[in-house]
N, C-alpha and C. Protein backbone atom coordinates (compact mmCIF):
# COMPACT_ATOMS: atom_id res chain seq x y z
N UNK A 1 12.74 2.08 24.61
CA UNK A 1 13.07 2.16 23.19
C UNK A 1 11.80 2.36 22.34
N UNK A 2 10.67 1.83 22.83
CA UNK A 2 9.42 1.99 22.08
C UNK A 2 9.10 3.47 21.85
N UNK A 3 9.26 4.28 22.90
CA UNK A 3 8.93 5.69 22.75
C UNK A 3 9.90 6.40 21.82
N UNK A 4 11.14 5.92 21.72
CA UNK A 4 12.10 6.53 20.79
C UNK A 4 11.64 6.37 19.34
N UNK A 5 11.15 5.18 19.00
CA UNK A 5 10.67 4.95 17.63
C UNK A 5 9.41 5.77 17.37
N UNK A 6 8.58 5.91 18.37
CA UNK A 6 7.38 6.74 18.22
C UNK A 6 7.76 8.21 18.05
N UNK A 7 8.76 8.65 18.78
CA UNK A 7 9.24 10.04 18.65
C UNK A 7 9.76 10.29 17.24
N UNK A 8 10.50 9.34 16.69
CA UNK A 8 11.00 9.49 15.32
C UNK A 8 9.85 9.47 14.32
N UNK A 9 8.94 8.51 14.48
CA UNK A 9 7.82 8.37 13.54
C UNK A 9 6.92 9.60 13.55
N UNK A 10 6.81 10.26 14.70
CA UNK A 10 5.97 11.45 14.79
C UNK A 10 6.78 12.74 14.57
N UNK A 11 8.01 12.58 14.09
CA UNK A 11 8.92 13.71 13.83
C UNK A 11 8.97 14.61 15.06
N UNK A 12 9.44 13.99 16.15
CA UNK A 12 9.63 14.69 17.42
C UNK A 12 8.33 15.31 17.91
N UNK A 13 7.27 14.50 17.78
CA UNK A 13 5.93 14.79 18.28
C UNK A 13 5.14 15.82 17.47
N UNK A 14 5.65 16.26 16.33
CA UNK A 14 4.87 17.13 15.44
C UNK A 14 3.59 16.41 15.02
N UNK A 15 3.68 15.09 14.85
CA UNK A 15 2.53 14.30 14.44
C UNK A 15 1.38 14.31 15.43
N UNK A 16 1.63 14.75 16.64
CA UNK A 16 0.56 14.81 17.64
C UNK A 16 -0.19 16.14 17.63
N UNK A 17 0.19 17.06 16.74
CA UNK A 17 -0.56 18.31 16.64
C UNK A 17 -1.98 17.99 16.19
N UNK A 18 -2.97 18.72 16.69
CA UNK A 18 -4.37 18.35 16.43
C UNK A 18 -4.86 18.56 15.00
N UNK A 19 -4.29 19.52 14.29
CA UNK A 19 -4.77 19.83 12.93
C UNK A 19 -3.60 19.78 11.97
N UNK A 20 -3.76 19.02 10.88
CA UNK A 20 -2.81 18.96 9.77
C UNK A 20 -1.36 18.68 10.17
N UNK A 21 -1.12 17.63 10.96
CA UNK A 21 0.26 17.37 11.37
C UNK A 21 1.19 17.05 10.19
N UNK A 22 0.67 16.42 9.14
CA UNK A 22 1.49 16.12 7.97
C UNK A 22 1.94 17.39 7.27
N UNK A 23 1.06 18.38 7.22
CA UNK A 23 1.43 19.66 6.60
C UNK A 23 2.47 20.39 7.43
N UNK A 24 2.33 20.34 8.74
CA UNK A 24 3.34 20.97 9.60
C UNK A 24 4.69 20.27 9.44
N UNK A 25 4.69 18.95 9.39
CA UNK A 25 5.94 18.21 9.22
C UNK A 25 6.60 18.55 7.89
N UNK A 26 5.80 18.64 6.83
CA UNK A 26 6.33 19.01 5.51
C UNK A 26 6.88 20.43 5.51
N UNK A 27 6.15 21.35 6.13
CA UNK A 27 6.56 22.75 6.16
C UNK A 27 7.86 22.93 6.94
N UNK A 28 7.95 22.30 8.09
CA UNK A 28 9.17 22.38 8.89
C UNK A 28 10.34 21.77 8.13
N UNK A 29 10.09 20.64 7.48
CA UNK A 29 11.14 19.99 6.69
C UNK A 29 11.62 20.92 5.58
N UNK A 30 10.70 21.52 4.85
CA UNK A 30 11.08 22.43 3.76
C UNK A 30 11.87 23.61 4.29
N UNK A 31 11.47 24.17 5.42
CA UNK A 31 12.17 25.32 5.99
C UNK A 31 13.59 24.95 6.42
N UNK A 32 13.74 23.82 7.09
CA UNK A 32 15.06 23.37 7.53
C UNK A 32 15.94 23.07 6.31
N UNK A 33 15.36 22.43 5.30
CA UNK A 33 16.14 22.08 4.10
C UNK A 33 16.52 23.33 3.30
N UNK A 34 15.70 24.34 3.34
CA UNK A 34 16.05 25.59 2.65
C UNK A 34 17.33 26.18 3.25
N UNK A 35 17.38 26.24 4.56
CA UNK A 35 18.58 26.76 5.23
C UNK A 35 19.77 25.83 4.97
N UNK A 36 19.55 24.54 5.08
CA UNK A 36 20.63 23.57 4.84
C UNK A 36 21.14 23.65 3.41
N UNK A 37 20.23 23.84 2.46
CA UNK A 37 20.64 23.94 1.05
C UNK A 37 21.53 25.15 0.81
N UNK A 38 21.23 26.25 1.47
CA UNK A 38 22.06 27.45 1.33
C UNK A 38 23.48 27.17 1.82
N UNK A 39 23.60 26.31 2.83
CA UNK A 39 24.91 26.00 3.40
C UNK A 39 25.62 24.84 2.71
N UNK A 40 24.87 23.82 2.28
CA UNK A 40 25.47 22.58 1.81
C UNK A 40 25.52 22.40 0.30
N UNK A 41 24.60 23.02 -0.43
CA UNK A 41 24.56 22.84 -1.87
C UNK A 41 25.86 23.22 -2.56
N UNK A 42 26.53 24.30 -2.12
CA UNK A 42 27.81 24.61 -2.78
C UNK A 42 28.87 23.53 -2.56
N UNK A 43 28.74 22.76 -1.50
CA UNK A 43 29.71 21.71 -1.20
C UNK A 43 29.47 20.48 -2.08
N UNK A 44 28.18 20.06 -2.15
CA UNK A 44 27.84 18.89 -2.97
C UNK A 44 26.38 18.94 -3.37
N UNK A 45 26.10 18.75 -4.66
CA UNK A 45 24.70 18.71 -5.09
C UNK A 45 23.98 17.43 -4.65
N UNK A 46 24.73 16.46 -4.17
CA UNK A 46 24.13 15.18 -3.76
C UNK A 46 23.77 15.11 -2.28
N UNK A 47 23.98 16.19 -1.55
CA UNK A 47 23.77 16.13 -0.11
C UNK A 47 22.33 15.74 0.24
N UNK A 48 21.35 16.27 -0.48
CA UNK A 48 19.95 15.99 -0.12
C UNK A 48 19.53 14.55 -0.44
N UNK A 49 19.80 14.03 -1.65
CA UNK A 49 19.48 12.61 -1.86
C UNK A 49 20.19 11.69 -0.87
N UNK A 50 21.43 12.01 -0.55
CA UNK A 50 22.16 11.17 0.42
C UNK A 50 21.57 11.28 1.82
N UNK A 51 21.11 12.46 2.19
CA UNK A 51 20.48 12.64 3.50
C UNK A 51 19.11 11.96 3.56
N UNK A 52 18.46 11.83 2.41
CA UNK A 52 17.13 11.20 2.37
C UNK A 52 17.19 9.71 2.67
N UNK A 53 18.26 9.05 2.25
CA UNK A 53 18.36 7.59 2.43
C UNK A 53 18.20 7.15 3.89
N UNK A 54 18.98 7.68 4.82
CA UNK A 54 18.78 7.22 6.21
C UNK A 54 17.41 7.61 6.76
N UNK A 55 16.91 8.79 6.38
CA UNK A 55 15.57 9.18 6.84
C UNK A 55 14.55 8.16 6.36
N UNK A 56 14.67 7.74 5.10
CA UNK A 56 13.73 6.77 4.55
C UNK A 56 13.82 5.43 5.30
N UNK A 57 15.00 4.86 5.42
CA UNK A 57 15.12 3.53 6.02
C UNK A 57 14.82 3.54 7.52
N UNK A 58 15.26 4.56 8.22
CA UNK A 58 14.90 4.69 9.64
C UNK A 58 13.40 4.91 9.75
N UNK A 59 12.85 5.70 8.82
CA UNK A 59 11.41 5.95 8.81
C UNK A 59 10.58 4.70 8.60
N UNK A 60 11.03 3.81 7.72
CA UNK A 60 10.32 2.54 7.50
C UNK A 60 10.22 1.77 8.81
N UNK A 61 11.33 1.65 9.50
CA UNK A 61 11.36 0.89 10.76
C UNK A 61 10.54 1.61 11.84
N UNK A 62 10.74 2.92 12.00
CA UNK A 62 10.03 3.68 13.02
C UNK A 62 8.52 3.68 12.76
N UNK A 63 8.13 3.83 11.50
CA UNK A 63 6.70 3.83 11.15
C UNK A 63 6.07 2.48 11.44
N UNK A 64 6.81 1.42 11.14
CA UNK A 64 6.31 0.07 11.41
C UNK A 64 6.09 -0.13 12.91
N UNK A 65 7.06 0.28 13.70
CA UNK A 65 6.94 0.16 15.16
C UNK A 65 5.80 1.03 15.68
N UNK A 66 5.73 2.27 15.21
CA UNK A 66 4.71 3.20 15.68
C UNK A 66 3.31 2.74 15.30
N UNK A 67 3.18 2.16 14.11
CA UNK A 67 1.88 1.67 13.67
C UNK A 67 1.37 0.60 14.66
N UNK A 68 2.26 -0.27 15.08
CA UNK A 68 1.88 -1.31 16.06
C UNK A 68 1.55 -0.69 17.41
N UNK A 69 2.37 0.26 17.85
CA UNK A 69 2.13 0.92 19.13
C UNK A 69 0.81 1.69 19.15
N UNK A 70 0.48 2.33 18.02
CA UNK A 70 -0.74 3.14 17.95
C UNK A 70 -1.97 2.32 17.58
N UNK A 71 -1.74 1.09 17.10
CA UNK A 71 -2.84 0.15 16.88
C UNK A 71 -3.73 0.40 15.69
N UNK A 72 -3.22 1.06 14.64
CA UNK A 72 -4.03 1.22 13.44
C UNK A 72 -3.12 1.35 12.22
N UNK A 73 -3.72 1.15 11.04
CA UNK A 73 -2.97 1.25 9.79
C UNK A 73 -2.71 2.71 9.47
N UNK A 74 -1.46 3.06 9.26
CA UNK A 74 -1.00 4.41 8.88
C UNK A 74 -1.71 5.50 9.70
N UNK A 75 -1.54 5.47 11.04
CA UNK A 75 -2.21 6.48 11.87
C UNK A 75 -1.69 7.89 11.61
N UNK A 76 -2.55 8.86 11.80
CA UNK A 76 -2.25 10.26 11.49
C UNK A 76 -1.00 10.79 12.19
N UNK A 77 -0.70 10.39 13.43
CA UNK A 77 0.50 10.94 14.08
C UNK A 77 1.83 10.57 13.40
N UNK A 78 1.83 9.51 12.59
CA UNK A 78 3.07 9.16 11.89
C UNK A 78 3.27 10.13 10.74
N UNK A 79 4.31 10.96 10.85
CA UNK A 79 4.58 11.96 9.82
C UNK A 79 6.01 11.89 9.28
N UNK A 80 6.77 10.90 9.69
CA UNK A 80 8.13 10.76 9.15
C UNK A 80 8.07 10.52 7.64
N UNK A 81 6.96 9.96 7.16
CA UNK A 81 6.78 9.77 5.73
C UNK A 81 6.68 11.10 5.00
N UNK A 82 6.03 12.08 5.61
CA UNK A 82 5.96 13.42 5.00
C UNK A 82 7.35 14.07 4.97
N UNK A 83 8.14 13.82 5.99
CA UNK A 83 9.50 14.37 6.02
C UNK A 83 10.30 13.81 4.84
N UNK A 84 10.29 12.49 4.69
CA UNK A 84 11.05 11.86 3.60
C UNK A 84 10.50 12.27 2.23
N UNK A 85 9.18 12.30 2.10
CA UNK A 85 8.58 12.70 0.82
C UNK A 85 8.90 14.13 0.45
N UNK A 86 8.86 15.03 1.43
CA UNK A 86 9.20 16.43 1.15
C UNK A 86 10.67 16.55 0.78
N UNK A 87 11.51 15.74 1.38
CA UNK A 87 12.93 15.75 1.00
C UNK A 87 13.08 15.37 -0.47
N UNK A 88 12.40 14.31 -0.89
CA UNK A 88 12.47 13.89 -2.29
C UNK A 88 11.93 14.99 -3.20
N UNK A 89 10.85 15.61 -2.79
CA UNK A 89 10.24 16.68 -3.60
C UNK A 89 11.23 17.82 -3.88
N UNK A 90 12.19 18.01 -3.01
CA UNK A 90 13.13 19.12 -3.14
C UNK A 90 14.48 18.72 -3.74
N UNK A 91 14.62 17.47 -4.15
CA UNK A 91 15.91 17.00 -4.66
C UNK A 91 16.51 17.91 -5.72
N UNK A 92 15.74 18.34 -6.69
CA UNK A 92 16.26 19.12 -7.80
C UNK A 92 15.75 20.56 -7.81
N UNK A 93 15.16 20.97 -6.72
CA UNK A 93 14.59 22.32 -6.65
C UNK A 93 15.68 23.37 -6.51
N UNK A 94 15.55 24.48 -7.24
CA UNK A 94 16.48 25.58 -6.99
C UNK A 94 16.23 26.13 -5.59
N UNK A 95 17.26 26.64 -4.98
CA UNK A 95 17.14 27.13 -3.61
C UNK A 95 16.61 28.55 -3.61
N UNK A 96 15.31 28.64 -3.92
CA UNK A 96 14.61 29.92 -3.84
C UNK A 96 13.35 29.70 -3.02
N UNK A 97 12.89 30.75 -2.39
CA UNK A 97 11.68 30.62 -1.57
C UNK A 97 10.48 30.19 -2.40
N UNK A 98 10.36 30.73 -3.60
CA UNK A 98 9.21 30.39 -4.45
C UNK A 98 9.25 28.92 -4.86
N UNK A 99 10.42 28.41 -5.23
CA UNK A 99 10.53 27.00 -5.62
C UNK A 99 10.20 26.09 -4.44
N UNK A 100 10.69 26.42 -3.27
CA UNK A 100 10.41 25.60 -2.09
C UNK A 100 8.93 25.68 -1.71
N UNK A 101 8.33 26.86 -1.85
CA UNK A 101 6.90 27.00 -1.55
C UNK A 101 6.06 26.19 -2.53
N UNK A 102 6.40 26.26 -3.82
CA UNK A 102 5.66 25.48 -4.83
C UNK A 102 5.84 23.99 -4.57
N UNK A 103 7.05 23.57 -4.23
CA UNK A 103 7.31 22.15 -3.94
C UNK A 103 6.51 21.71 -2.72
N UNK A 104 6.45 22.54 -1.71
CA UNK A 104 5.65 22.21 -0.52
C UNK A 104 4.18 22.04 -0.91
N UNK A 105 3.64 23.01 -1.64
CA UNK A 105 2.24 22.97 -2.03
C UNK A 105 1.94 21.73 -2.90
N UNK A 106 2.76 21.50 -3.93
CA UNK A 106 2.54 20.35 -4.81
C UNK A 106 2.63 19.04 -4.05
N UNK A 107 3.62 18.93 -3.15
CA UNK A 107 3.76 17.70 -2.39
C UNK A 107 2.51 17.44 -1.54
N UNK A 108 2.00 18.47 -0.90
CA UNK A 108 0.80 18.28 -0.08
C UNK A 108 -0.38 17.85 -0.95
N UNK A 109 -0.51 18.43 -2.14
CA UNK A 109 -1.60 18.04 -3.05
C UNK A 109 -1.47 16.57 -3.44
N UNK A 110 -0.28 16.15 -3.87
CA UNK A 110 -0.09 14.74 -4.27
C UNK A 110 -0.25 13.81 -3.08
N UNK A 111 0.21 14.21 -1.91
CA UNK A 111 0.10 13.36 -0.73
C UNK A 111 -1.35 13.22 -0.26
N UNK A 112 -2.10 14.28 -0.36
CA UNK A 112 -3.49 14.24 0.11
C UNK A 112 -4.41 13.54 -0.90
N UNK A 113 -4.29 13.89 -2.18
CA UNK A 113 -5.20 13.35 -3.19
C UNK A 113 -4.77 12.01 -3.77
N UNK A 114 -3.49 11.67 -3.64
CA UNK A 114 -2.95 10.36 -4.02
C UNK A 114 -3.39 9.87 -5.40
N UNK A 115 -2.95 10.55 -6.47
CA UNK A 115 -3.26 10.02 -7.81
C UNK A 115 -2.54 8.69 -8.04
N UNK A 116 -3.03 7.94 -9.02
CA UNK A 116 -2.42 6.65 -9.35
C UNK A 116 -0.97 6.85 -9.75
N UNK A 117 -0.08 5.99 -9.37
CA UNK A 117 -0.17 4.79 -8.53
C UNK A 117 0.09 5.04 -7.06
N UNK A 118 0.11 6.31 -6.63
CA UNK A 118 0.30 6.58 -5.20
C UNK A 118 -0.82 5.92 -4.40
N UNK A 119 -2.06 6.04 -4.89
CA UNK A 119 -3.20 5.44 -4.18
C UNK A 119 -3.09 3.91 -4.12
N UNK A 120 -2.53 3.30 -5.17
CA UNK A 120 -2.35 1.85 -5.17
C UNK A 120 -1.35 1.45 -4.09
N UNK A 121 -0.23 2.16 -4.00
CA UNK A 121 0.75 1.88 -2.95
C UNK A 121 0.12 2.04 -1.57
N UNK A 122 -0.63 3.10 -1.40
CA UNK A 122 -1.27 3.39 -0.11
C UNK A 122 -2.21 2.26 0.31
N UNK A 123 -2.93 1.69 -0.65
CA UNK A 123 -3.90 0.63 -0.33
C UNK A 123 -3.28 -0.75 -0.22
N UNK A 124 -2.20 -1.02 -0.94
CA UNK A 124 -1.73 -2.39 -1.09
C UNK A 124 -0.42 -2.75 -0.39
N UNK A 125 0.37 -1.78 -0.01
CA UNK A 125 1.62 -2.08 0.68
C UNK A 125 1.41 -1.78 2.16
N UNK A 126 1.68 -2.74 2.99
CA UNK A 126 1.40 -2.62 4.42
C UNK A 126 2.64 -2.24 5.22
N UNK A 127 2.40 -1.84 6.46
CA UNK A 127 3.47 -1.58 7.41
C UNK A 127 4.26 -0.33 7.07
N UNK A 128 5.47 -0.29 7.61
CA UNK A 128 6.34 0.86 7.42
C UNK A 128 6.67 1.13 5.97
N UNK A 129 6.82 0.07 5.17
CA UNK A 129 7.10 0.25 3.74
C UNK A 129 5.96 0.98 3.05
N UNK A 130 4.75 0.58 3.32
CA UNK A 130 3.60 1.23 2.70
C UNK A 130 3.43 2.67 3.15
N UNK A 131 3.66 2.90 4.44
CA UNK A 131 3.55 4.26 4.97
C UNK A 131 4.53 5.18 4.27
N UNK A 132 5.75 4.70 4.06
CA UNK A 132 6.80 5.54 3.49
C UNK A 132 6.74 5.65 1.97
N UNK A 133 6.45 4.55 1.28
CA UNK A 133 6.59 4.53 -0.18
C UNK A 133 5.62 5.46 -0.90
N UNK A 134 4.38 5.57 -0.42
CA UNK A 134 3.45 6.45 -1.13
C UNK A 134 3.90 7.91 -1.06
N UNK A 135 4.53 8.30 0.04
CA UNK A 135 5.02 9.67 0.15
C UNK A 135 6.28 9.89 -0.68
N UNK A 136 7.10 8.86 -0.80
CA UNK A 136 8.27 8.96 -1.67
C UNK A 136 7.81 9.17 -3.11
N UNK A 137 6.80 8.43 -3.53
CA UNK A 137 6.28 8.60 -4.89
C UNK A 137 5.63 9.97 -5.06
N UNK A 138 4.92 10.44 -4.04
CA UNK A 138 4.36 11.80 -4.10
C UNK A 138 5.48 12.83 -4.23
N UNK A 139 6.60 12.58 -3.56
CA UNK A 139 7.76 13.47 -3.68
C UNK A 139 8.35 13.44 -5.07
N UNK A 140 8.41 12.26 -5.68
CA UNK A 140 8.92 12.16 -7.06
C UNK A 140 7.98 12.86 -8.04
N UNK A 141 6.67 12.69 -7.86
CA UNK A 141 5.71 13.41 -8.70
C UNK A 141 5.95 14.91 -8.58
N UNK A 142 6.10 15.36 -7.33
CA UNK A 142 6.31 16.79 -7.08
C UNK A 142 7.57 17.28 -7.77
N UNK A 143 8.66 16.53 -7.61
CA UNK A 143 9.93 16.93 -8.22
C UNK A 143 9.79 17.02 -9.75
N UNK A 144 9.09 16.07 -10.35
CA UNK A 144 8.88 16.09 -11.79
C UNK A 144 8.04 17.26 -12.25
N UNK A 145 6.93 17.51 -11.57
CA UNK A 145 6.06 18.63 -11.95
C UNK A 145 6.79 19.95 -11.73
N UNK A 146 7.54 20.05 -10.64
CA UNK A 146 8.29 21.28 -10.40
C UNK A 146 9.30 21.53 -11.52
N UNK A 147 9.96 20.49 -12.00
CA UNK A 147 10.91 20.66 -13.10
C UNK A 147 10.20 21.10 -14.37
N UNK A 148 9.02 20.54 -14.63
CA UNK A 148 8.24 20.97 -15.80
C UNK A 148 7.83 22.44 -15.68
N UNK A 149 7.41 22.84 -14.49
CA UNK A 149 7.04 24.24 -14.27
C UNK A 149 8.24 25.17 -14.45
N UNK A 150 9.40 24.74 -13.99
CA UNK A 150 10.62 25.55 -14.17
C UNK A 150 10.98 25.68 -15.64
N UNK A 151 10.84 24.59 -16.39
CA UNK A 151 11.10 24.65 -17.84
C UNK A 151 10.13 25.58 -18.54
N UNK A 152 8.87 25.50 -18.18
CA UNK A 152 7.85 26.37 -18.75
C UNK A 152 8.17 27.82 -18.42
N UNK A 153 8.53 28.08 -17.20
CA UNK A 153 8.89 29.44 -16.77
C UNK A 153 10.07 29.96 -17.58
N UNK A 154 11.09 29.13 -17.74
CA UNK A 154 12.29 29.52 -18.52
C UNK A 154 11.91 29.83 -19.97
N UNK A 155 11.02 29.01 -20.52
CA UNK A 155 10.60 29.17 -21.90
C UNK A 155 9.79 30.46 -22.11
N UNK A 156 8.97 30.79 -21.12
CA UNK A 156 8.10 31.95 -21.25
C UNK A 156 8.78 33.26 -20.90
N UNK A 157 9.94 33.21 -20.29
CA UNK A 157 10.63 34.45 -19.90
C UNK A 157 11.17 35.20 -21.06
């Protein structure tokens, strides 16, 4: 069972890639969600927030277990947090390639540079909760900035 939680925490071993595993996890998530949005958005606009909930809670537990197995605080192979954060980043995004690309880029910027209070969460909340929450907040920042950019675009057209 230990390896199952590690497999989930590393997003089916994407986290073990040698360079930028968090970016790969985010990119794969955005690509899968783009296809899913084309199929599911007409059925319900709430499908993505509802799908994010189990990913988040399972991610908290899996990240906590994986952190202990890997023996360090928020080790690089744990990327389930990027999956959940990218999901949040896309909650209100229009299903266009450009919107998804901008959301991917913005999410990576917020996740890497961690502006306040993302950096506070990263430093002060431990275990699976800390691993997951800073990326959720980065996803919310992304969603907000993306909405502002869309409004600006609409205004300037």
